[in-house]
Amino acid sequence: MVGGSGLPTTAATRGHGLLRSTLAIPIIAVALTAATGCVYFNALYNANRLFDQGSAEIEDGRVAAGRGNLGASIEKAERIVANKPNSRWADDALRLTTRARILREEWMEAAESAVLLLAYAKTAEDSAEVAGYLGTAKIYLGELAVADSLLSVALEYEDGAKPRSRLLLSRARARAVMDRLGEADLDLREAIELEPDWLEPRIDRVRLLVLSGRGDQAVFWLSSLFNLILNATEEREVVALAQEVVSMSPATGLAALAEVESSNLLRSDRALLIKLRADIEVSIGDSETGKEDYQLAVSIDPDSRSAVDAQVSLASLDVQSAEQVEDLERPQTSLERLYRQPAARGVYSLNRLRDMLIRIEFWVEVGNLGYILAAETARDELNAPLLARTLLLEYANTQPQSLWAPKAILAVLDLTDLDSGAPEAATNGSSAEELRRRLAEDYGDSAYVRALIGGAQSQFTYEELESGLRRQLERLEVLADQEVRARQAAWQ
């Protein structure tokens, strides 16, 4: 007997064991529940940590790394929702998934996640928050009016500077696509006021100002971006914006790039944009200023791709102004020297121009119909009309009995502006009137002339002459290709 219990020792021991096991059941259950809660709490903590890391990486321009961490965050958060949809962590996990999907620009999945999240909303504020997520996704799914309404609801309840500026930017984009440009501009201006250092609404506003025809304001806003302190991704976005503005409005782009050489951009980007400025100047006929800017681009970053492109453009301008074959020597020498620079490897414009000059040189050396092929290349591919005239007249003067001499003379007349009062030197001493008289007197029975003025057919039809010429020119093209390959092999 132990302790006066009246029970045998073994029975007393069994009784105490039974009591302990009975008490342990609820304790174990509580412990297991707490342990499970810890598991999901830790999972959510890790998902949040990955989300914060991924969003920070995207903001810093490390997009690939950021997307990877956001993807890992989504996996952890979705596992919580799948395993414990009714737990107190499910709504937080679903909210995290929705935000991560938006940052990864997975719009359909983000919309689906937002709809699921709406079921967890308990207050009007909760519903408004979800409306913001869903509205942002709807923009990129093409449901602009729905997006505008949802984002407007979200904005009624959101007063935090950062989340509000994000909602305003999204609504501005929806309204801009719906051609509600004035309202979109108001949203962008408020977003910029809330977050002055955030680049995206500034970029959108430049586009909006150009679309609205407010070029002066667009110039101010775009040029101001060049003086910001930007990370690598942001600078690429600003450079891309400048290129976009130039394509939309060359005059606006030219004005915005007026002082880009003194900006805070990287040297390589300054060279690229100066080269772009030069392209605009040349396109509007200001070749001299364009040449100066091409040279400036080269001096700012001589080893860059932009410097290569600028030097190719300079060579192209020299070719376009050439009158004699000898005038091609300087640009050809420049291109051959440029070809050996590391930054010039694989640059299509360089290879194309260099190869064309080799072909012209080869065809001129061959002579005869080579002059016609060289002239057609100068006219059609190199935009060098003065050189084309010279080559065509050289053929007509050296091969006056050729079946194709009148074709060459007619091509010269096509290249001559009869109302410009150009000097006779432009046609190698032959005026347009003299060339027309020569056609009438010497080639009146040619099919080329008859095709213009009518009359009886000559010995060969126009089609027969053209077909015969093309066959011979094709053979010359094959030989020129062989010459180009031989030159290339010699440079390797």
Protein backbone atom coordinates (compact mmCIF):
# COMPACT_ATOMS: atom_id res chain seq x y z
CA MET A 1 0.00 0.00 0.00
CA VAL A 2 1.35 3.34 -0.86
CA GLY A 3 0.26 6.63 0.60
CA GLY A 4 -2.84 5.11 2.10
CA SER A 5 -4.54 4.87 -1.25
CA GLY A 6 -5.91 1.50 -0.54
CA LEU A 7 -4.59 0.30 -3.89
CA PRO A 8 -1.85 -2.18 -4.52
CA THR A 9 1.36 -0.62 -5.68
CA THR A 10 1.00 -1.77 -9.29
CA ALA A 11 -2.56 -0.56 -9.47
CA ALA A 12 -1.59 2.82 -8.06
CA THR A 13 1.15 3.12 -10.65
CA ARG A 14 -1.25 2.31 -13.45
CA GLY A 15 -3.71 4.88 -12.11
CA HIS A 16 -1.16 7.66 -12.08
CA GLY A 17 -0.07 6.77 -15.62
CA LEU A 18 -3.67 6.90 -16.83
CA LEU A 19 -4.15 10.31 -15.26
CA ARG A 20 -1.03 11.66 -16.89
CA SER A 21 -1.95 10.35 -20.33
CA THR A 22 -5.47 11.73 -20.05
CA LEU A 23 -4.17 15.20 -19.20
CA ALA A 24 -1.57 15.02 -21.97
CA ILE A 25 -4.09 14.73 -24.82
CA PRO A 26 -5.21 18.38 -24.89
CA ILE A 27 -1.67 19.56 -24.16
CA ILE A 28 -0.32 17.67 -27.15
CA ALA A 29 -3.13 18.99 -29.36
CA VAL A 30 -2.37 22.56 -28.34
CA ALA A 31 1.32 21.99 -28.92
CA LEU A 32 0.71 20.51 -32.39
CA THR A 33 -1.56 23.42 -33.32
CA ALA A 34 1.05 25.92 -32.17
CA ALA A 35 3.75 24.08 -34.08
CA THR A 36 1.65 24.10 -37.27
CA GLY A 37 1.01 27.81 -36.77
CA CYS A 38 4.73 28.41 -36.44
CA VAL A 39 5.33 26.55 -39.69
CA TYR A 40 2.93 28.78 -41.64
CA PHE A 41 4.08 31.91 -39.87
CA ASN A 42 7.68 31.11 -40.81
CA ALA A 43 6.65 30.32 -44.38
CA LEU A 44 4.88 33.67 -44.66
CA TYR A 45 7.85 35.44 -43.11
CA ASN A 46 10.17 33.86 -45.70
CA ALA A 47 7.77 34.72 -48.52
CA ASN A 48 7.69 38.35 -47.37
CA ARG A 49 11.47 38.45 -47.14
CA LEU A 50 11.81 37.15 -50.69
CA PHE A 51 9.19 39.63 -51.89
CA ASP A 52 11.01 42.58 -50.30
CA GLN A 53 14.30 41.43 -51.78
CA GLY A 54 12.82 40.90 -55.23
CA SER A 55 10.99 44.23 -55.34
CA ALA A 56 14.14 46.06 -54.21
CA GLU A 57 16.17 44.35 -56.93
CA ILE A 58 13.68 45.34 -59.61
CA GLU A 59 13.71 48.92 -58.33
CA ASP A 60 17.53 48.89 -58.56
CA GLY A 61 17.40 47.63 -62.12
CA ARG A 62 18.36 43.99 -61.41
CA VAL A 63 15.22 42.71 -63.06
CA ALA A 64 16.21 39.07 -63.66
CA ALA A 65 17.28 38.55 -60.03
CA GLY A 66 14.19 40.38 -58.79
CA ARG A 67 11.82 38.28 -60.86
CA GLY A 68 13.49 35.14 -59.55
CA ASN A 69 13.01 36.09 -55.90
CA LEU A 70 9.45 37.20 -56.55
CA GLY A 71 8.76 33.84 -58.16
CA ALA A 72 10.11 32.04 -55.07
CA SER A 73 7.95 34.29 -52.89
CA ILE A 74 4.86 33.37 -54.91
CA GLU A 75 5.57 29.65 -54.54
CA LYS A 76 5.76 29.88 -50.74
CA ALA A 77 2.69 32.12 -50.45
CA GLU A 78 0.56 29.98 -52.74
CA ARG A 79 1.48 26.87 -50.72
CA ILE A 80 0.10 28.55 -47.58
CA VAL A 81 -3.20 29.38 -49.30
CA ALA A 82 -3.51 25.89 -50.78
CA ASN A 83 -2.84 24.10 -47.49
CA LYS A 84 -4.65 26.46 -45.11
CA PRO A 85 -7.20 28.55 -47.06
CA ASN A 86 -9.10 29.43 -43.87
CA SER A 87 -6.10 30.33 -41.72
CA ARG A 88 -5.38 33.81 -40.47
CA TRP A 89 -2.34 33.93 -42.79
CA ALA A 90 -4.18 33.05 -46.01
CA ASP A 91 -5.23 36.61 -46.88
CA ASP A 92 -1.72 37.96 -46.26
CA ALA A 93 -0.26 35.21 -48.43
CA LEU A 94 -2.74 35.91 -51.22
CA ARG A 95 -2.08 39.63 -51.02
CA LEU A 96 1.65 38.92 -51.36
CA THR A 97 1.02 36.70 -54.37
CA THR A 98 -1.06 39.40 -56.08
CA ARG A 99 1.54 42.11 -55.56
CA ALA A 100 4.36 39.84 -56.73
CA ARG A 101 2.42 38.91 -59.88
CA ILE A 102 1.96 42.60 -60.67
CA LEU A 103 5.66 43.29 -60.25
CA ARG A 104 6.43 40.34 -62.53
CA GLU A 105 3.90 41.76 -65.03
CA GLU A 106 1.90 38.53 -65.03
CA TRP A 107 -1.38 40.32 -65.57
CA MET A 108 -3.81 37.44 -66.02
CA GLU A 109 -2.48 35.63 -62.95
CA ALA A 110 -2.47 38.88 -60.96
CA ALA A 111 -6.13 39.48 -61.84
CA GLU A 112 -7.09 35.94 -60.85
CA SER A 113 -5.24 36.28 -57.54
CA ALA A 114 -6.91 39.64 -56.84
CA VAL A 115 -10.36 38.14 -57.39
CA LEU A 116 -9.54 35.41 -54.86
CA LEU A 117 -8.23 38.02 -52.43
CA LEU A 118 -11.50 39.96 -52.65
CA ALA A 119 -13.26 37.11 -50.84
CA TYR A 120 -11.12 37.79 -47.76
CA ALA A 121 -11.93 41.52 -47.65
CA LYS A 122 -13.73 42.47 -44.43
CA THR A 123 -13.94 46.27 -44.79
CA ALA A 124 -14.44 48.86 -47.49
CA GLU A 125 -10.77 49.73 -47.18
CA ASP A 126 -9.82 46.10 -47.82
CA SER A 127 -12.05 45.98 -50.89
CA ALA A 128 -10.56 49.25 -52.19
CA GLU A 129 -7.05 47.88 -51.83
CA VAL A 130 -7.98 44.82 -53.92
CA ALA A 131 -9.68 47.10 -56.48
CA GLY A 132 -6.31 48.82 -56.96
CA TYR A 133 -4.54 45.54 -57.66
CA LEU A 134 -7.26 44.31 -59.99
CA GLY A 135 -7.51 47.66 -61.78
CA THR A 136 -3.79 47.70 -62.47
CA ALA A 137 -3.96 44.23 -64.03
CA LYS A 138 -7.05 45.11 -66.09
CA ILE A 139 -5.15 47.88 -67.91
CA TYR A 140 -2.82 45.38 -69.49
CA LEU A 141 -5.64 42.97 -70.22
CA GLY A 142 -7.29 45.66 -72.35
CA GLU A 143 -10.22 46.41 -70.03
CA LEU A 144 -9.49 50.11 -69.72
CA ALA A 145 -12.86 51.44 -68.56
CA VAL A 146 -13.08 48.74 -65.88
CA ALA A 147 -9.50 49.55 -64.83
CA ASP A 148 -10.31 53.26 -64.55
CA SER A 149 -13.33 52.59 -62.33
CA LEU A 150 -11.49 50.16 -60.05
CA LEU A 151 -8.49 52.46 -59.66
CA SER A 152 -10.76 55.40 -58.88
CA VAL A 153 -12.34 53.38 -56.07
CA ALA A 154 -8.91 52.50 -54.72
CA LEU A 155 -7.81 56.13 -54.79
CA GLU A 156 -10.80 57.21 -52.68
CA TYR A 157 -9.40 55.27 -49.73
CA GLU A 158 -5.62 55.50 -50.30
CA ASP A 159 -3.73 58.46 -48.83
CA GLY A 160 -0.22 57.01 -48.49
CA ALA A 161 2.21 58.83 -50.78
CA LYS A 162 3.88 55.81 -52.37
CA PRO A 163 0.85 53.54 -52.91
CA ARG A 164 -1.25 56.50 -54.05
CA SER A 165 1.34 57.57 -56.62
CA ARG A 166 1.38 54.00 -57.99
CA LEU A 167 -2.39 54.01 -58.37
CA LEU A 168 -2.31 57.42 -60.05
CA LEU A 169 0.28 56.26 -62.57
CA SER A 170 -1.83 53.21 -63.42
CA ARG A 171 -4.98 55.27 -63.86
CA ALA A 172 -3.09 57.81 -65.98
CA ARG A 173 -2.00 55.04 -68.32
CA ALA A 174 -5.55 53.76 -68.68
CA ARG A 175 -6.87 57.25 -69.36
CA ALA A 176 -4.10 58.07 -71.84
CA VAL A 177 -4.97 55.01 -73.94
CA MET A 178 -8.64 56.05 -73.80
CA ASP A 179 -7.51 59.45 -75.17
CA ARG A 180 -8.47 61.27 -71.97
CA LEU A 181 -5.16 63.07 -72.06
CA GLY A 182 -6.07 66.00 -69.80
CA GLU A 183 -7.22 63.73 -66.98
CA ALA A 184 -4.21 61.50 -67.45
CA ASP A 185 -1.92 64.51 -67.16
CA LEU A 186 -3.52 65.56 -63.87
CA ASP A 187 -2.89 62.07 -62.46
CA LEU A 188 0.74 62.14 -63.59
CA ARG A 189 1.36 65.56 -62.10
CA GLU A 190 -0.04 64.46 -58.74
CA ALA A 191 2.05 61.26 -58.83
CA ILE A 192 5.18 63.33 -59.49
CA GLU A 193 4.34 65.68 -56.62
CA LEU A 194 3.91 62.73 -54.26
CA GLU A 195 7.16 61.06 -55.35
CA PRO A 196 9.45 63.61 -57.02
CA ASP A 197 12.32 61.12 -57.37
CA TRP A 198 10.26 58.41 -59.07
CA LEU A 199 11.17 58.22 -62.75
CA GLU A 200 8.21 56.37 -64.31
CA PRO A 201 5.55 59.13 -64.10
CA ARG A 202 8.08 61.62 -65.47
CA ILE A 203 8.70 59.39 -68.47
CA ASP A 204 4.99 58.92 -69.05
CA ARG A 205 4.41 62.66 -68.84
CA VAL A 206 6.99 63.36 -71.54
CA ARG A 207 5.18 60.95 -73.86
CA LEU A 208 1.83 62.52 -72.97
CA LEU A 209 3.08 66.03 -73.65
CA VAL A 210 4.37 65.03 -77.08
CA LEU A 211 1.09 63.30 -77.90
CA SER A 212 -0.79 66.40 -76.74
CA GLY A 213 1.24 68.64 -79.04
CA ARG A 214 2.86 70.49 -76.14
CA GLY A 215 6.36 70.27 -77.54
CA ASP A 216 7.87 73.10 -75.47
CA GLN A 217 6.86 71.44 -72.21
CA ALA A 218 8.03 68.05 -73.47
CA VAL A 219 11.44 69.57 -74.25
CA PHE A 220 11.75 70.90 -70.69
CA TRP A 221 10.70 67.64 -69.04
CA LEU A 222 12.83 65.40 -71.27
CA SER A 223 15.97 67.52 -71.01
CA SER A 224 15.56 67.65 -67.23
CA LEU A 225 15.78 63.84 -67.11
CA PHE A 226 19.29 63.97 -68.58
CA ASN A 227 20.53 65.72 -65.44
CA LEU A 228 19.13 63.28 -62.89
CA ILE A 229 21.26 60.75 -61.04
CA LEU A 230 20.05 57.48 -62.54
CA ASN A 231 20.88 53.82 -62.13
CA ALA A 232 21.76 51.75 -65.20
CA THR A 233 18.21 50.60 -65.90
CA GLU A 234 16.76 54.08 -65.46
CA GLU A 235 19.35 55.57 -67.79
CA ARG A 236 18.48 53.00 -70.45
CA GLU A 237 14.83 53.98 -70.08
CA VAL A 238 15.64 57.68 -70.48
CA VAL A 239 17.76 57.05 -73.58
CA ALA A 240 14.99 54.88 -75.05
CA LEU A 241 12.52 57.68 -74.30
CA ALA A 242 14.67 60.20 -76.15
CA GLN A 243 14.77 57.90 -79.18
CA GLU A 244 11.00 57.46 -78.97
CA VAL A 245 10.41 61.22 -78.80
CA VAL A 246 12.63 61.73 -81.86
CA SER A 247 10.56 59.20 -83.80
CA MET A 248 7.33 60.92 -82.69
CA SER A 249 8.49 64.50 -83.18
CA PRO A 250 12.00 65.12 -84.59
CA ALA A 251 11.77 68.85 -83.85
CA THR A 252 10.94 68.21 -80.18
CA GLY A 253 13.70 65.64 -79.92
CA LEU A 254 16.24 67.97 -81.49
CA ALA A 255 15.40 70.77 -79.06
CA ALA A 256 15.54 68.42 -76.05
CA LEU A 257 18.97 67.13 -77.11
CA ALA A 258 20.42 70.62 -77.58
CA GLU A 259 22.72 70.42 -74.54
CA VAL A 260 22.90 66.68 -73.94
CA GLU A 261 26.72 66.68 -74.19
CA SER A 262 26.88 68.47 -70.81
CA SER A 263 24.36 66.15 -69.09
CA ASN A 264 24.90 63.66 -66.25
CA LEU A 265 24.47 60.69 -68.56
CA LEU A 266 27.23 58.16 -69.07
CA ARG A 267 29.76 59.02 -71.74
CA SER A 268 28.51 56.20 -73.99
CA ASP A 269 24.91 57.43 -73.76
CA ARG A 270 25.92 61.03 -74.40
CA ALA A 271 27.72 59.89 -77.55
CA LEU A 272 24.67 57.89 -78.64
CA LEU A 273 22.31 60.83 -78.20
CA ILE A 274 24.65 63.30 -79.90
CA LYS A 275 24.83 60.91 -82.83
CA LEU A 276 21.01 60.83 -82.79
CA ARG A 277 20.97 64.64 -82.81
CA ALA A 278 23.28 64.63 -85.80
CA ASP A 279 20.96 62.23 -87.64
CA ILE A 280 18.09 64.69 -87.19
CA GLU A 281 20.20 67.62 -88.38
CA VAL A 282 21.25 65.77 -91.52
CA SER A 283 17.66 64.68 -92.20
CA ILE A 284 16.47 68.32 -92.21
CA GLY A 285 19.28 69.38 -94.54
CA ASP A 286 21.75 70.82 -92.03
CA SER A 287 24.61 68.53 -93.04
CA GLU A 288 27.39 70.77 -91.78
CA THR A 289 26.04 70.89 -88.23
CA GLY A 290 25.37 67.17 -88.48
CA LYS A 291 29.01 66.53 -89.39
CA GLU A 292 30.16 68.53 -86.39
CA ASP A 293 27.94 66.48 -84.10
CA TYR A 294 29.11 63.18 -85.61
CA GLN A 295 32.68 64.27 -84.89
CA LEU A 296 31.67 65.33 -81.36
CA ALA A 297 30.16 61.89 -80.72
CA VAL A 298 33.42 60.27 -81.81
CA SER A 299 35.50 62.53 -79.56
CA ILE A 300 33.31 61.91 -76.48
CA ASP A 301 33.55 58.10 -76.62
CA PRO A 302 35.91 57.07 -79.44
CA ASP A 303 35.83 53.33 -78.69
CA SER A 304 32.04 53.02 -78.53
CA ARG A 305 29.54 51.64 -80.99
CA SER A 306 28.08 55.15 -81.29
CA ALA A 307 31.47 56.42 -82.44
CA VAL A 308 31.56 53.72 -85.11
CA ASP A 309 28.06 54.62 -86.28
CA ALA A 310 29.00 58.31 -86.37
CA GLN A 311 32.08 57.62 -88.49
CA VAL A 312 30.05 55.50 -90.89
CA SER A 313 27.58 58.39 -91.19
CA LEU A 314 30.44 60.80 -91.92
CA ALA A 315 31.71 58.48 -94.63
CA SER A 316 28.19 58.22 -96.07
CA LEU A 317 27.94 62.01 -96.31
CA ASP A 318 31.26 62.12 -98.16
CA VAL A 319 29.99 59.46 -100.57
CA GLN A 320 26.70 61.29 -101.13
CA SER A 321 28.53 64.47 -102.14
CA ALA A 322 31.03 62.69 -104.42
CA GLU A 323 31.13 63.72 -108.08
CA GLN A 324 34.07 61.64 -109.29
CA VAL A 325 35.25 58.14 -108.49
CA GLU A 326 38.37 59.69 -106.96
CA ASP A 327 36.16 61.35 -104.35
CA LEU A 328 35.47 57.91 -102.87
CA GLU A 329 39.07 57.36 -101.82
CA ARG A 330 38.80 59.28 -98.54
CA PRO A 331 35.63 57.60 -97.22
CA GLN A 332 36.90 54.22 -98.38
CA THR A 333 40.18 54.66 -96.51
CA SER A 334 38.27 55.81 -93.43
CA LEU A 335 36.03 52.74 -93.52
CA GLU A 336 38.92 50.32 -93.96
CA ARG A 337 40.67 51.85 -90.95
CA LEU A 338 37.46 51.76 -88.94
CA TYR A 339 36.84 48.12 -89.87
CA ARG A 340 39.81 47.05 -87.77
CA GLN A 341 38.48 48.56 -84.53
CA PRO A 342 36.98 46.09 -82.01
CA ALA A 343 33.76 48.12 -81.65
CA ALA A 344 33.22 47.90 -85.41
CA ARG A 345 32.96 44.12 -85.53
CA GLY A 346 29.69 43.05 -87.10
CA VAL A 347 28.34 46.58 -87.64
CA TYR A 348 26.01 46.12 -90.60
CA SER A 349 26.04 49.72 -91.85
CA LEU A 350 29.85 49.72 -91.94
CA ASN A 351 30.09 46.41 -93.78
CA ARG A 352 27.39 47.37 -96.23
CA LEU A 353 28.93 50.73 -97.17
CA ARG A 354 32.45 49.35 -97.38
CA ASP A 355 31.34 46.46 -99.60
CA MET A 356 29.43 48.78 -101.93
CA LEU A 357 32.47 50.99 -102.41
CA ILE A 358 34.57 47.91 -103.21
CA ARG A 359 32.00 46.87 -105.82
CA ILE A 360 31.92 50.33 -107.41
CA GLU A 361 35.71 50.39 -107.57
CA PHE A 362 35.71 46.93 -109.19
CA TRP A 363 33.03 47.80 -111.77
CA VAL A 364 34.78 51.03 -112.77
CA GLU A 365 38.02 49.09 -113.28
CA VAL A 366 36.16 46.57 -115.46
CA GLY A 367 34.67 49.45 -117.46
CA ASN A 368 32.02 49.12 -120.20
CA LEU A 369 28.73 47.99 -118.56
CA GLY A 370 30.46 48.14 -115.20
CA TYR A 371 29.84 51.92 -115.33
CA ILE A 372 26.08 51.36 -115.50
CA LEU A 373 26.11 48.97 -112.56
CA ALA A 374 28.31 51.33 -110.55
CA ALA A 375 25.99 54.24 -111.41
CA GLU A 376 22.86 52.34 -110.39
CA THR A 377 24.46 51.46 -107.05
CA ALA A 378 25.52 55.07 -106.46
CA ARG A 379 22.02 56.30 -107.30
CA ASP A 380 19.83 53.66 -105.66
CA GLU A 381 21.92 52.46 -102.70
CA LEU A 382 24.28 55.30 -101.78
CA ASN A 383 22.15 58.36 -102.58
CA ALA A 384 25.02 59.83 -104.59
CA PRO A 385 23.30 61.39 -107.64
CA LEU A 386 26.27 63.47 -108.83
CA LEU A 387 28.51 60.42 -108.95
CA ALA A 388 25.77 58.43 -110.68
CA ARG A 389 25.54 61.11 -113.40
CA THR A 390 29.29 61.05 -113.91
CA LEU A 391 29.38 57.27 -114.28
CA LEU A 392 26.40 57.14 -116.64
CA LEU A 393 27.85 59.82 -118.90
CA GLU A 394 31.21 58.07 -118.84
CA TYR A 395 29.53 54.97 -120.21
CA ALA A 396 27.55 56.91 -122.85
CA ASN A 397 30.67 58.81 -123.99
CA THR A 398 33.01 55.81 -124.09
CA GLN A 399 30.45 53.41 -125.56
CA PRO A 400 28.37 55.61 -127.88
CA GLN A 401 27.50 52.74 -130.24
CA SER A 402 26.22 50.55 -127.41
CA LEU A 403 22.57 49.51 -127.38
CA TRP A 404 22.39 50.87 -123.85
CA ALA A 405 23.96 54.30 -124.38
CA PRO A 406 20.53 55.97 -124.75
CA LYS A 407 19.38 54.30 -121.53
CA ALA A 408 22.35 55.87 -119.74
CA ILE A 409 21.56 59.31 -121.18
CA LEU A 410 17.91 59.03 -120.19
CA ALA A 411 18.99 58.09 -116.65
CA VAL A 412 21.18 61.21 -116.52
CA LEU A 413 18.21 63.34 -117.51
CA ASP A 414 16.14 61.73 -114.78
CA LEU A 415 18.80 62.75 -112.27
CA THR A 416 18.96 66.33 -113.51
CA ASP A 417 16.64 68.95 -112.06
CA LEU A 418 15.74 70.89 -115.19
CA ASP A 419 14.42 73.81 -113.16
CA SER A 420 17.35 74.14 -110.79
CA GLY A 421 19.64 76.08 -113.07
CA ALA A 422 22.46 73.70 -112.16
CA PRO A 423 25.78 74.39 -113.90
CA GLU A 424 26.81 72.26 -116.84
CA ALA A 425 29.53 70.71 -114.67
CA ALA A 426 26.78 68.76 -112.96
CA THR A 427 26.42 66.74 -116.16
CA ASN A 428 30.10 66.73 -117.15
CA GLY A 429 29.78 69.64 -119.53
CA SER A 430 26.57 68.41 -121.13
CA SER A 431 23.45 70.41 -120.48
CA ALA A 432 20.05 68.79 -120.33
CA GLU A 433 19.15 70.38 -123.64
CA GLU A 434 22.28 68.98 -125.29
CA LEU A 435 21.53 65.53 -123.95
CA ARG A 436 17.98 65.61 -125.31
CA ARG A 437 19.25 66.73 -128.71
CA ARG A 438 21.81 63.94 -128.68
CA LEU A 439 19.08 61.41 -127.99
CA ALA A 440 16.96 62.68 -130.88
CA GLU A 441 19.81 62.87 -133.39
CA ASP A 442 21.85 59.79 -132.52
CA TYR A 443 19.38 57.39 -130.94
CA GLY A 444 16.00 58.23 -132.42
CA ASP A 445 15.39 54.60 -133.40
CA SER A 446 16.36 53.14 -130.02
CA ALA A 447 13.67 51.20 -128.21
CA TYR A 448 14.44 53.27 -125.11
CA VAL A 449 13.65 56.50 -126.92
CA ARG A 450 10.67 54.99 -128.75
CA ALA A 451 9.23 53.88 -125.43
CA LEU A 452 9.04 57.56 -124.48
CA ILE A 453 8.05 59.30 -127.70
CA GLY A 454 6.33 56.45 -129.56
CA GLY A 455 6.94 55.31 -133.10
CA ALA A 456 7.93 52.21 -134.99
CA GLN A 457 9.76 49.45 -133.16
CA SER A 458 13.53 49.27 -133.53
CA GLN A 459 15.65 46.16 -134.11
CA PHE A 460 15.22 45.09 -130.46
CA THR A 461 12.24 45.66 -128.24
CA TYR A 462 12.54 47.48 -124.91
CA GLU A 463 11.98 44.21 -123.05
CA GLU A 464 14.69 42.42 -125.04
CA LEU A 465 17.21 45.16 -124.36
CA GLU A 466 16.44 45.18 -120.64
CA SER A 467 16.63 41.40 -120.39
CA GLY A 468 19.99 41.31 -122.18
CA LEU A 469 21.37 44.08 -120.00
CA ARG A 470 20.25 42.39 -116.77
CA ARG A 471 21.95 39.13 -117.73
CA GLN A 472 25.27 40.87 -118.28
CA LEU A 473 24.94 42.97 -115.12
CA GLU A 474 24.21 39.87 -113.06
CA ARG A 475 27.48 38.34 -114.18
CA LEU A 476 29.29 41.51 -113.12
CA GLU A 477 27.56 41.36 -109.75
CA VAL A 478 28.84 37.81 -109.20
CA LEU A 479 32.39 38.88 -110.03
CA ALA A 480 32.12 41.86 -107.68
CA ASP A 481 30.92 39.57 -104.87
CA GLN A 482 34.01 37.45 -105.39
CA GLU A 483 36.18 40.58 -105.15
CA VAL A 484 34.50 41.57 -101.88
CA ARG A 485 35.12 38.14 -100.36
CA ALA A 486 38.75 38.22 -101.46
CA ARG A 487 39.25 41.61 -99.82
CA GLN A 488 37.59 40.41 -96.64
CA ALA A 489 39.86 37.36 -96.49
CA ALA A 490 42.90 39.59 -96.89
CA TRP A 491 41.81 41.72 -93.89
CA GLN A 492 41.29 38.81 -91.52
